[in-house]
N, C-alpha and C. Protein backbone atom coordinates (compact mmCIF):
# COMPACT_ATOMS: atom_id res chain seq x y z
N MET A 1 0.84 -1.19 0.00
CA MET A 1 0.00 0.00 0.00
C MET A 1 0.88 1.25 0.00
N LEU A 2 0.49 2.21 -0.84
CA LEU A 2 1.23 3.45 -0.96
C LEU A 2 0.40 4.63 -0.47
N ALA A 3 1.08 5.68 -0.04
CA ALA A 3 0.39 6.88 0.43
C ALA A 3 1.21 8.11 0.06
N ARG A 4 0.55 9.24 -0.06
CA ARG A 4 1.24 10.51 -0.34
C ARG A 4 1.88 11.01 0.96
N PRO A 5 3.17 11.27 0.96
CA PRO A 5 3.82 11.73 2.19
C PRO A 5 3.58 13.20 2.45
N GLU A 6 3.65 13.58 3.72
CA GLU A 6 3.65 14.98 4.12
C GLU A 6 5.10 15.46 4.16
N ARG A 7 5.29 16.79 4.24
CA ARG A 7 6.64 17.33 4.29
C ARG A 7 7.45 16.74 5.43
N ALA A 8 6.82 16.58 6.57
CA ALA A 8 7.54 16.10 7.76
C ALA A 8 8.15 14.73 7.55
N TRP A 9 7.60 13.94 6.63
CA TRP A 9 8.10 12.59 6.38
C TRP A 9 9.54 12.61 5.87
N PHE A 10 9.92 13.66 5.18
CA PHE A 10 11.26 13.76 4.60
C PHE A 10 12.29 14.32 5.59
N LEU A 11 11.82 14.86 6.72
CA LEU A 11 12.71 15.58 7.62
C LEU A 11 13.41 14.62 8.57
N ARG A 12 14.22 13.76 8.01
CA ARG A 12 14.99 12.78 8.75
C ARG A 12 16.32 12.57 8.03
N ASP A 13 17.27 11.97 8.75
CA ASP A 13 18.60 11.74 8.19
C ASP A 13 18.50 10.94 6.88
N ALA A 14 19.39 11.24 5.93
CA ALA A 14 19.35 10.59 4.63
C ALA A 14 19.46 9.07 4.73
N VAL A 15 20.27 8.58 5.66
CA VAL A 15 20.44 7.13 5.81
C VAL A 15 19.16 6.48 6.33
N GLU A 16 18.39 7.22 7.09
CA GLU A 16 17.10 6.71 7.56
C GLU A 16 16.04 6.81 6.47
N LEU A 17 16.08 7.89 5.70
CA LEU A 17 15.08 8.10 4.66
C LEU A 17 15.23 7.13 3.49
N ALA A 18 16.47 6.85 3.10
CA ALA A 18 16.73 6.09 1.87
C ALA A 18 15.95 4.78 1.78
N PRO A 19 16.03 3.87 2.76
CA PRO A 19 15.32 2.59 2.60
C PRO A 19 13.81 2.74 2.58
N LEU A 20 13.29 3.84 3.15
CA LEU A 20 11.84 4.05 3.16
C LEU A 20 11.32 4.41 1.78
N LEU A 21 12.24 4.81 0.88
CA LEU A 21 11.84 5.16 -0.49
C LEU A 21 11.76 3.96 -1.41
N LEU A 22 12.26 2.81 -0.98
CA LEU A 22 12.19 1.61 -1.80
C LEU A 22 10.73 1.18 -1.98
N GLY A 23 10.34 0.99 -3.22
CA GLY A 23 8.96 0.66 -3.52
C GLY A 23 8.09 1.87 -3.76
N ALA A 24 8.64 3.07 -3.54
CA ALA A 24 7.89 4.30 -3.81
C ALA A 24 7.72 4.48 -5.32
N VAL A 25 6.68 5.19 -5.71
CA VAL A 25 6.43 5.48 -7.13
C VAL A 25 6.54 6.98 -7.35
N LEU A 26 7.48 7.36 -8.21
CA LEU A 26 7.69 8.76 -8.57
C LEU A 26 7.21 8.97 -10.00
N ALA A 27 6.31 9.93 -10.17
CA ALA A 27 5.77 10.25 -11.49
C ALA A 27 6.13 11.68 -11.87
N TYR A 28 6.34 11.87 -13.16
CA TYR A 28 6.64 13.21 -13.67
C TYR A 28 5.80 13.46 -14.92
N ASP A 29 5.10 14.59 -14.92
CA ASP A 29 4.28 14.98 -16.06
C ASP A 29 5.03 16.00 -16.91
N SER A 30 5.50 15.56 -18.06
CA SER A 30 6.17 16.47 -19.00
C SER A 30 5.17 16.91 -20.05
N ASP A 31 5.61 17.75 -20.97
CA ASP A 31 4.73 18.18 -22.06
C ASP A 31 4.32 17.00 -22.93
N ASP A 32 5.16 15.94 -22.92
CA ASP A 32 4.87 14.77 -23.76
C ASP A 32 3.94 13.77 -23.08
N GLY A 33 3.77 13.87 -21.78
CA GLY A 33 2.94 12.93 -21.05
C GLY A 33 3.58 12.52 -19.74
N ARG A 34 2.96 11.56 -19.10
CA ARG A 34 3.40 11.10 -17.78
C ARG A 34 4.16 9.78 -17.85
N VAL A 35 5.25 9.72 -17.07
CA VAL A 35 5.96 8.47 -16.84
C VAL A 35 6.13 8.33 -15.33
N ALA A 36 5.93 7.13 -14.84
CA ALA A 36 6.12 6.85 -13.41
C ALA A 36 7.06 5.67 -13.26
N VAL A 37 7.92 5.76 -12.24
CA VAL A 37 8.91 4.72 -11.96
C VAL A 37 8.77 4.25 -10.52
N ARG A 38 8.78 2.94 -10.34
CA ARG A 38 8.81 2.35 -9.00
C ARG A 38 10.27 2.18 -8.60
N LEU A 39 10.67 2.78 -7.49
CA LEU A 39 12.06 2.80 -7.07
C LEU A 39 12.47 1.47 -6.44
N SER A 40 13.60 0.93 -6.91
CA SER A 40 14.06 -0.35 -6.38
C SER A 40 15.48 -0.28 -5.82
N GLU A 41 16.16 0.87 -6.03
CA GLU A 41 17.54 1.00 -5.56
C GLU A 41 17.85 2.47 -5.31
N VAL A 42 18.41 2.76 -4.13
CA VAL A 42 18.75 4.13 -3.76
C VAL A 42 20.06 4.14 -2.99
N GLU A 43 20.67 5.32 -2.87
CA GLU A 43 21.86 5.49 -2.06
C GLU A 43 21.73 6.75 -1.22
N ALA A 44 22.14 6.66 0.04
CA ALA A 44 22.09 7.81 0.95
C ALA A 44 23.42 8.55 0.96
N TYR A 45 23.34 9.88 1.01
CA TYR A 45 24.51 10.74 1.11
C TYR A 45 24.29 11.77 2.20
N ARG A 46 25.22 11.82 3.15
CA ARG A 46 25.17 12.85 4.18
C ARG A 46 25.94 14.08 3.70
N GLY A 47 26.26 15.00 4.63
CA GLY A 47 26.75 16.27 4.16
C GLY A 47 28.10 16.75 4.64
N VAL A 48 28.16 18.02 4.98
CA VAL A 48 29.39 18.75 5.23
C VAL A 48 30.27 18.06 6.27
N GLY A 49 31.50 17.76 5.89
CA GLY A 49 32.48 17.22 6.80
C GLY A 49 32.20 15.82 7.31
N VAL A 50 31.13 15.19 6.84
CA VAL A 50 30.71 13.89 7.35
C VAL A 50 30.89 12.79 6.32
N ASP A 51 30.54 13.07 5.08
CA ASP A 51 30.48 12.05 4.04
C ASP A 51 31.35 12.47 2.85
N PRO A 52 32.56 11.91 2.72
CA PRO A 52 33.44 12.28 1.61
C PRO A 52 32.87 11.97 0.23
N GLY A 53 31.88 11.11 0.15
CA GLY A 53 31.28 10.78 -1.13
C GLY A 53 30.21 11.75 -1.57
N SER A 54 29.86 12.70 -0.70
CA SER A 54 28.76 13.62 -0.98
C SER A 54 29.22 14.88 -1.68
N HIS A 55 28.37 15.42 -2.55
CA HIS A 55 28.65 16.70 -3.18
C HIS A 55 28.76 17.81 -2.14
N ALA A 56 28.12 17.64 -0.99
CA ALA A 56 28.09 18.68 0.03
C ALA A 56 29.24 18.60 1.02
N PHE A 57 30.13 17.65 0.87
CA PHE A 57 31.18 17.39 1.87
C PHE A 57 32.01 18.63 2.19
N ARG A 58 32.36 19.40 1.16
CA ARG A 58 33.24 20.56 1.36
C ARG A 58 32.47 21.87 1.55
N GLY A 59 31.16 21.78 1.67
CA GLY A 59 30.38 22.98 1.93
C GLY A 59 29.47 23.36 0.79
N ARG A 60 28.74 24.42 1.01
CA ARG A 60 27.73 24.86 0.06
C ARG A 60 28.36 25.55 -1.15
N THR A 61 27.83 25.23 -2.33
CA THR A 61 28.24 25.85 -3.59
C THR A 61 26.98 26.12 -4.41
N PRO A 62 27.09 26.89 -5.48
CA PRO A 62 25.90 27.09 -6.33
C PRO A 62 25.34 25.77 -6.85
N ARG A 63 26.22 24.80 -7.12
CA ARG A 63 25.75 23.52 -7.67
C ARG A 63 24.95 22.73 -6.66
N ASN A 64 25.42 22.67 -5.39
CA ASN A 64 24.78 21.78 -4.42
C ASN A 64 23.83 22.48 -3.46
N ALA A 65 23.51 23.76 -3.71
CA ALA A 65 22.73 24.55 -2.77
C ALA A 65 21.40 23.90 -2.38
N VAL A 66 20.79 23.19 -3.31
CA VAL A 66 19.49 22.56 -3.03
C VAL A 66 19.61 21.53 -1.92
N MET A 67 20.78 20.88 -1.81
CA MET A 67 20.97 19.87 -0.77
C MET A 67 20.87 20.47 0.64
N PHE A 68 21.08 21.77 0.77
CA PHE A 68 21.04 22.44 2.05
C PHE A 68 19.64 22.96 2.39
N GLY A 69 18.70 22.69 1.51
CA GLY A 69 17.33 23.15 1.72
C GLY A 69 16.47 22.12 2.44
N GLU A 70 15.17 22.31 2.35
CA GLU A 70 14.21 21.47 3.06
C GLU A 70 13.99 20.14 2.35
N GLY A 71 13.84 19.09 3.13
CA GLY A 71 13.59 17.77 2.58
C GLY A 71 12.37 17.73 1.68
N GLY A 72 12.40 16.78 0.72
CA GLY A 72 11.27 16.61 -0.18
C GLY A 72 11.40 17.37 -1.49
N HIS A 73 12.56 18.02 -1.69
CA HIS A 73 12.82 18.71 -2.94
C HIS A 73 13.77 17.89 -3.80
N LEU A 74 13.83 18.23 -5.08
CA LEU A 74 14.66 17.50 -6.03
C LEU A 74 16.03 18.16 -6.15
N TYR A 75 17.08 17.36 -5.98
CA TYR A 75 18.43 17.81 -6.30
C TYR A 75 18.85 17.07 -7.56
N ALA A 76 18.92 17.79 -8.67
CA ALA A 76 19.34 17.22 -9.95
C ALA A 76 20.71 17.77 -10.30
N TYR A 77 21.57 16.90 -10.81
CA TYR A 77 22.90 17.35 -11.21
C TYR A 77 23.31 16.66 -12.50
N PHE A 78 24.27 17.28 -13.17
CA PHE A 78 24.78 16.79 -14.44
C PHE A 78 26.10 16.08 -14.20
N THR A 79 26.28 14.91 -14.80
CA THR A 79 27.50 14.15 -14.59
C THR A 79 28.07 13.67 -15.91
N TYR A 80 29.38 13.56 -15.98
CA TYR A 80 30.09 13.11 -17.18
C TYR A 80 29.75 13.96 -18.41
N GLY A 81 29.25 15.17 -18.17
CA GLY A 81 28.96 16.07 -19.29
C GLY A 81 27.81 15.64 -20.17
N MET A 82 27.02 14.65 -19.72
CA MET A 82 25.96 14.16 -20.60
C MET A 82 24.72 13.63 -19.89
N HIS A 83 24.81 13.31 -18.58
CA HIS A 83 23.70 12.65 -17.91
C HIS A 83 23.18 13.48 -16.72
N THR A 84 21.87 13.46 -16.55
CA THR A 84 21.26 14.04 -15.36
C THR A 84 20.96 12.93 -14.37
N CYS A 85 21.25 13.17 -13.10
CA CYS A 85 20.91 12.24 -12.03
C CYS A 85 20.00 12.94 -11.03
N LEU A 86 19.13 12.17 -10.39
CA LEU A 86 18.11 12.73 -9.51
C LEU A 86 18.29 12.26 -8.07
N ASN A 87 18.12 13.20 -7.14
CA ASN A 87 18.19 12.92 -5.71
C ASN A 87 17.00 13.54 -5.01
N ILE A 88 16.60 12.95 -3.91
CA ILE A 88 15.59 13.54 -3.04
C ILE A 88 16.29 14.10 -1.82
N VAL A 89 16.12 15.39 -1.57
CA VAL A 89 16.75 16.04 -0.43
C VAL A 89 16.13 15.52 0.86
N ALA A 90 17.00 15.24 1.83
CA ALA A 90 16.56 14.72 3.12
C ALA A 90 16.75 15.76 4.22
N ASP A 91 16.00 15.60 5.29
CA ASP A 91 16.21 16.32 6.55
C ASP A 91 15.85 17.80 6.47
N ARG A 92 16.22 18.52 7.51
CA ARG A 92 15.86 19.92 7.66
C ARG A 92 16.87 20.82 6.96
N PRO A 93 16.49 22.07 6.69
CA PRO A 93 17.42 22.99 6.05
C PRO A 93 18.74 23.08 6.81
N GLY A 94 19.84 23.05 6.06
CA GLY A 94 21.16 23.16 6.64
C GLY A 94 21.87 21.85 6.85
N THR A 95 21.17 20.72 6.70
CA THR A 95 21.79 19.43 6.97
C THR A 95 22.47 18.81 5.75
N SER A 96 22.11 19.22 4.58
CA SER A 96 22.75 18.85 3.30
C SER A 96 22.80 17.36 3.02
N GLY A 97 21.72 16.64 3.29
CA GLY A 97 21.63 15.23 2.96
C GLY A 97 20.77 14.99 1.74
N GLY A 98 20.99 13.83 1.11
CA GLY A 98 20.18 13.51 -0.05
C GLY A 98 20.20 12.02 -0.34
N VAL A 99 19.23 11.58 -1.15
CA VAL A 99 19.11 10.18 -1.53
C VAL A 99 19.12 10.10 -3.06
N LEU A 100 20.15 9.45 -3.60
CA LEU A 100 20.26 9.26 -5.05
C LEU A 100 19.32 8.15 -5.50
N LEU A 101 18.56 8.43 -6.55
CA LEU A 101 17.66 7.42 -7.12
C LEU A 101 18.45 6.62 -8.14
N ARG A 102 18.85 5.41 -7.77
CA ARG A 102 19.77 4.62 -8.58
C ARG A 102 19.09 3.72 -9.60
N GLY A 103 17.89 3.25 -9.30
CA GLY A 103 17.27 2.33 -10.24
C GLY A 103 15.81 2.09 -9.94
N GLY A 104 15.08 1.67 -10.97
CA GLY A 104 13.67 1.39 -10.79
C GLY A 104 13.07 0.75 -12.04
N THR A 105 11.75 0.61 -12.01
CA THR A 105 11.01 -0.01 -13.10
C THR A 105 9.89 0.93 -13.53
N VAL A 106 9.75 1.13 -14.82
CA VAL A 106 8.68 1.97 -15.34
C VAL A 106 7.34 1.27 -15.11
N VAL A 107 6.42 1.94 -14.44
CA VAL A 107 5.11 1.34 -14.15
C VAL A 107 3.97 2.12 -14.81
N GLU A 108 4.28 3.24 -15.42
CA GLU A 108 3.27 4.02 -16.14
C GLU A 108 4.00 4.80 -17.23
N GLY A 109 3.37 4.91 -18.39
CA GLY A 109 3.98 5.64 -19.50
C GLY A 109 5.09 4.87 -20.19
N LEU A 110 4.93 3.55 -20.26
CA LEU A 110 5.97 2.70 -20.83
C LEU A 110 6.29 3.09 -22.27
N ALA A 111 5.29 3.36 -23.09
CA ALA A 111 5.53 3.71 -24.49
C ALA A 111 6.35 4.99 -24.60
N LEU A 112 6.05 5.97 -23.77
CA LEU A 112 6.79 7.24 -23.80
C LEU A 112 8.23 7.03 -23.34
N ALA A 113 8.40 6.24 -22.28
CA ALA A 113 9.76 5.95 -21.79
C ALA A 113 10.58 5.26 -22.88
N ARG A 114 9.96 4.40 -23.64
CA ARG A 114 10.67 3.69 -24.72
C ARG A 114 11.14 4.65 -25.81
N THR A 115 10.37 5.70 -26.07
CA THR A 115 10.80 6.68 -27.08
C THR A 115 12.03 7.44 -26.61
N ARG A 116 12.17 7.58 -25.31
CA ARG A 116 13.32 8.29 -24.75
C ARG A 116 14.56 7.41 -24.67
N ARG A 117 14.35 6.11 -24.58
CA ARG A 117 15.46 5.15 -24.53
C ARG A 117 15.18 4.01 -25.50
N PRO A 118 15.18 4.30 -26.80
CA PRO A 118 14.73 3.31 -27.80
C PRO A 118 15.62 2.08 -27.90
N ARG A 119 16.85 2.16 -27.46
CA ARG A 119 17.76 1.02 -27.57
C ARG A 119 17.77 0.14 -26.32
N SER A 120 17.01 0.52 -25.30
CA SER A 120 17.00 -0.23 -24.05
C SER A 120 15.91 -1.28 -24.03
N SER A 121 16.20 -2.38 -23.33
CA SER A 121 15.16 -3.35 -23.05
C SER A 121 14.23 -2.75 -22.01
N GLU A 122 13.06 -3.36 -21.84
CA GLU A 122 12.12 -2.84 -20.85
C GLU A 122 12.75 -2.84 -19.45
N ARG A 123 13.53 -3.86 -19.15
CA ARG A 123 14.17 -3.95 -17.85
C ARG A 123 15.16 -2.82 -17.62
N ASP A 124 15.84 -2.39 -18.68
CA ASP A 124 16.91 -1.40 -18.56
C ASP A 124 16.45 0.05 -18.71
N LEU A 125 15.17 0.28 -18.93
CA LEU A 125 14.69 1.64 -19.16
C LEU A 125 15.06 2.59 -18.02
N ALA A 126 14.95 2.12 -16.77
CA ALA A 126 15.24 2.98 -15.61
C ALA A 126 16.21 2.31 -14.65
N ARG A 127 17.01 1.41 -15.17
CA ARG A 127 17.95 0.63 -14.35
C ARG A 127 19.31 1.31 -14.36
N GLY A 128 19.53 2.21 -13.40
CA GLY A 128 20.71 3.06 -13.35
C GLY A 128 20.26 4.50 -13.21
N PRO A 129 21.01 5.34 -12.50
CA PRO A 129 20.54 6.70 -12.19
C PRO A 129 20.31 7.59 -13.41
N ALA A 130 21.21 7.53 -14.40
CA ALA A 130 21.03 8.35 -15.59
C ALA A 130 19.85 7.86 -16.43
N ARG A 131 19.71 6.55 -16.53
CA ARG A 131 18.59 5.98 -17.29
C ARG A 131 17.26 6.33 -16.63
N LEU A 132 17.23 6.30 -15.31
CA LEU A 132 16.00 6.61 -14.59
C LEU A 132 15.55 8.03 -14.89
N ALA A 133 16.48 8.98 -14.83
CA ALA A 133 16.14 10.37 -15.11
C ALA A 133 15.68 10.55 -16.55
N GLN A 134 16.34 9.85 -17.47
CA GLN A 134 15.98 9.97 -18.89
C GLN A 134 14.62 9.36 -19.16
N ALA A 135 14.35 8.20 -18.57
CA ALA A 135 13.05 7.56 -18.78
C ALA A 135 11.91 8.44 -18.26
N LEU A 136 12.13 9.06 -17.09
CA LEU A 136 11.11 9.95 -16.53
C LEU A 136 10.97 11.23 -17.35
N GLY A 137 12.07 11.64 -18.01
CA GLY A 137 12.04 12.87 -18.78
C GLY A 137 12.28 14.11 -17.94
N VAL A 138 12.89 13.94 -16.76
CA VAL A 138 13.14 15.08 -15.87
C VAL A 138 14.42 15.79 -16.30
N PRO A 139 14.34 17.07 -16.67
CA PRO A 139 15.53 17.80 -17.11
C PRO A 139 16.27 18.42 -15.93
N LEU A 140 17.51 18.80 -16.16
CA LEU A 140 18.32 19.45 -15.13
C LEU A 140 17.64 20.72 -14.61
N ALA A 141 16.87 21.37 -15.46
CA ALA A 141 16.20 22.61 -15.07
C ALA A 141 15.21 22.42 -13.93
N ARG A 142 14.84 21.17 -13.63
CA ARG A 142 13.90 20.91 -12.54
C ARG A 142 14.61 20.84 -11.18
N ASN A 143 15.91 21.06 -11.16
CA ASN A 143 16.64 21.11 -9.91
C ASN A 143 15.97 22.08 -8.95
N GLY A 144 15.72 21.62 -7.72
CA GLY A 144 15.07 22.46 -6.72
C GLY A 144 13.56 22.33 -6.66
N SER A 145 12.97 21.58 -7.59
CA SER A 145 11.51 21.43 -7.60
C SER A 145 11.00 20.71 -6.36
N ASP A 146 9.80 21.07 -5.96
CA ASP A 146 9.13 20.43 -4.83
C ASP A 146 8.48 19.14 -5.34
N LEU A 147 8.90 18.00 -4.78
CA LEU A 147 8.35 16.72 -5.23
C LEU A 147 6.93 16.47 -4.72
N LEU A 148 6.43 17.34 -3.88
CA LEU A 148 5.06 17.22 -3.39
C LEU A 148 4.09 18.08 -4.21
N ALA A 149 4.59 18.65 -5.29
CA ALA A 149 3.75 19.53 -6.12
C ALA A 149 3.91 19.17 -7.59
N SER A 150 2.91 19.53 -8.39
CA SER A 150 2.96 19.35 -9.84
C SER A 150 4.20 20.05 -10.40
N PRO A 151 4.84 19.44 -11.40
CA PRO A 151 4.46 18.28 -12.23
C PRO A 151 4.92 16.94 -11.69
N PHE A 152 5.30 16.89 -10.39
CA PHE A 152 5.70 15.62 -9.79
C PHE A 152 4.58 15.05 -8.94
N GLU A 153 4.64 13.73 -8.74
CA GLU A 153 3.75 13.05 -7.81
C GLU A 153 4.53 11.90 -7.20
N LEU A 154 4.49 11.81 -5.89
CA LEU A 154 5.25 10.78 -5.19
C LEU A 154 4.35 10.06 -4.20
N ALA A 155 4.37 8.74 -4.24
CA ALA A 155 3.66 7.91 -3.28
C ALA A 155 4.66 6.93 -2.69
N VAL A 156 4.63 6.76 -1.37
CA VAL A 156 5.62 5.94 -0.69
C VAL A 156 4.94 4.80 0.06
N PRO A 157 5.66 3.70 0.30
CA PRO A 157 5.07 2.59 1.03
C PRO A 157 4.67 2.98 2.46
N VAL A 158 3.55 2.48 2.89
CA VAL A 158 3.10 2.75 4.26
C VAL A 158 4.01 2.07 5.27
N GLU A 159 4.53 0.90 4.90
CA GLU A 159 5.47 0.17 5.74
C GLU A 159 6.74 -0.11 4.94
N PRO A 160 7.92 -0.06 5.57
CA PRO A 160 9.16 -0.34 4.84
C PRO A 160 9.16 -1.73 4.24
N LEU A 161 9.73 -1.87 3.06
CA LEU A 161 9.81 -3.15 2.39
C LEU A 161 11.11 -3.87 2.76
N PRO A 162 11.11 -5.20 2.76
CA PRO A 162 12.35 -5.95 3.01
C PRO A 162 13.40 -5.56 1.98
N HIS A 163 14.62 -5.31 2.43
CA HIS A 163 15.65 -4.83 1.53
C HIS A 163 17.03 -5.29 1.98
N LEU A 164 18.00 -5.10 1.10
CA LEU A 164 19.40 -5.39 1.41
C LEU A 164 20.19 -4.10 1.42
N THR A 165 21.36 -4.13 2.05
CA THR A 165 22.23 -2.96 2.10
C THR A 165 23.65 -3.37 1.74
N GLY A 166 24.42 -2.40 1.26
CA GLY A 166 25.81 -2.65 0.92
C GLY A 166 26.51 -1.35 0.59
N PRO A 167 27.79 -1.41 0.22
CA PRO A 167 28.55 -0.21 -0.11
C PRO A 167 27.95 0.51 -1.32
N ARG A 168 28.08 1.81 -1.32
CA ARG A 168 27.61 2.58 -2.47
C ARG A 168 28.51 2.31 -3.68
N THR A 169 27.93 2.49 -4.84
CA THR A 169 28.67 2.19 -6.06
C THR A 169 29.42 3.40 -6.59
N GLY A 170 30.59 3.15 -7.16
CA GLY A 170 31.27 4.19 -7.90
C GLY A 170 32.01 5.24 -7.11
N ILE A 171 32.28 5.02 -5.81
CA ILE A 171 32.95 6.07 -5.04
C ILE A 171 34.17 5.54 -4.29
N SER A 172 34.78 4.47 -4.75
CA SER A 172 35.99 3.99 -4.10
C SER A 172 37.06 5.07 -4.18
N GLY A 173 37.82 5.21 -3.10
CA GLY A 173 38.86 6.23 -3.03
C GLY A 173 38.38 7.56 -2.51
N ALA A 174 37.08 7.70 -2.24
CA ALA A 174 36.55 8.96 -1.74
C ALA A 174 36.66 9.01 -0.22
N GLY A 175 37.88 9.08 0.30
CA GLY A 175 38.10 9.26 1.73
C GLY A 175 37.55 8.16 2.59
N GLY A 176 37.47 6.95 2.06
CA GLY A 176 36.94 5.84 2.84
C GLY A 176 35.44 5.70 2.79
N ALA A 177 34.77 6.58 2.06
CA ALA A 177 33.31 6.56 2.02
C ALA A 177 32.76 5.28 1.41
N VAL A 178 33.58 4.59 0.62
CA VAL A 178 33.10 3.36 -0.01
C VAL A 178 32.69 2.33 1.03
N ALA A 179 33.21 2.44 2.25
CA ALA A 179 32.91 1.47 3.29
C ALA A 179 31.52 1.66 3.88
N TYR A 180 30.90 2.79 3.64
CA TYR A 180 29.58 3.04 4.23
C TYR A 180 28.53 2.18 3.53
N PRO A 181 27.77 1.39 4.27
CA PRO A 181 26.75 0.52 3.64
C PRO A 181 25.45 1.28 3.42
N TRP A 182 25.51 2.32 2.62
CA TRP A 182 24.38 3.22 2.45
C TRP A 182 23.71 3.08 1.09
N ARG A 183 23.93 1.95 0.45
CA ARG A 183 23.18 1.59 -0.76
C ARG A 183 22.11 0.59 -0.33
N PHE A 184 20.89 0.83 -0.75
CA PHE A 184 19.74 0.01 -0.34
C PHE A 184 19.01 -0.45 -1.60
N TRP A 185 18.60 -1.72 -1.61
CA TRP A 185 17.89 -2.21 -2.79
C TRP A 185 16.93 -3.34 -2.43
N LEU A 186 15.97 -3.55 -3.32
CA LEU A 186 14.98 -4.61 -3.17
C LEU A 186 15.56 -5.89 -3.79
N PRO A 187 15.78 -6.92 -3.01
CA PRO A 187 16.41 -8.13 -3.55
C PRO A 187 15.57 -8.77 -4.65
N GLY A 188 16.25 -9.13 -5.75
CA GLY A 188 15.57 -9.79 -6.85
C GLY A 188 14.78 -8.88 -7.75
N ASP A 189 14.74 -7.59 -7.47
CA ASP A 189 13.97 -6.66 -8.30
C ASP A 189 14.71 -6.39 -9.61
N PRO A 190 14.02 -6.46 -10.75
CA PRO A 190 14.69 -6.26 -12.04
C PRO A 190 15.22 -4.85 -12.25
N GLY A 191 14.76 -3.89 -11.46
CA GLY A 191 15.20 -2.51 -11.62
C GLY A 191 16.51 -2.18 -10.93
N VAL A 192 17.08 -3.13 -10.20
CA VAL A 192 18.33 -2.89 -9.49
C VAL A 192 19.49 -2.90 -10.48
N SER A 193 20.35 -1.89 -10.42
CA SER A 193 21.45 -1.77 -11.37
C SER A 193 22.60 -2.70 -11.01
N ALA A 194 23.52 -2.87 -11.94
CA ALA A 194 24.71 -3.67 -11.69
C ALA A 194 25.64 -2.90 -10.77
N TYR A 195 26.20 -3.58 -9.76
CA TYR A 195 27.11 -2.91 -8.82
C TYR A 195 28.47 -2.72 -9.46
N ARG A 196 28.97 -1.49 -9.41
CA ARG A 196 30.30 -1.19 -9.94
C ARG A 196 31.06 -0.37 -8.92
N ARG A 197 32.33 -0.68 -8.76
CA ARG A 197 33.19 0.08 -7.85
C ARG A 197 34.28 0.73 -8.67
N HIS A 198 34.23 2.05 -8.81
CA HIS A 198 35.25 2.78 -9.54
C HIS A 198 35.31 4.20 -9.01
N PRO A 199 36.42 4.89 -9.14
CA PRO A 199 36.57 6.23 -8.57
C PRO A 199 35.57 7.20 -9.17
N LYS A 200 34.76 7.78 -8.31
CA LYS A 200 33.79 8.78 -8.71
C LYS A 200 33.23 9.41 -7.46
N SER A 201 32.98 10.67 -7.47
CA SER A 201 32.38 11.35 -6.32
C SER A 201 30.96 11.74 -6.65
N HIS A 202 30.06 11.49 -5.73
CA HIS A 202 28.64 11.82 -5.93
C HIS A 202 28.46 13.33 -5.89
């Protein structure tokens, strides 16, 4: 069972919020139509001076300013000069936490998602953070948007779903942050991405 969350639901530490988002359905209404994704894999990132893998580790910048705002907003960023990735801001203003949406399954707007990723199998449409953003059609310009307001719609599980935890992907060498078991996923879910360990900072 899913329910629409209130603002207060997001006002908790990113590591606590992340597993509660598993099984949530995020929808985005673009000019082309609606696509919704059921989240099956997420990663938690804390903030200033705490988490070397986080964009906020060294403090506030124009790029990461949204992370320092109120929970329940979208932090979108551009990576590798070509991909947009999506995060849900966690906790109260000033805490700079966020949850990266790493993978999921398209549950609405499948035909539209396929036009955005014509070379992908149905399983791979939103399997990986860049693919997820592309399938939804969320542009970088939506950075800072309130996920509790149009054109977004978010419904979360009433009770946490059984899940697994492990090291985050792609951040080995980031000050030991790779050791943090802050990646959460639904076991056996087809939307879970392949685990990769390589130098990269979130």
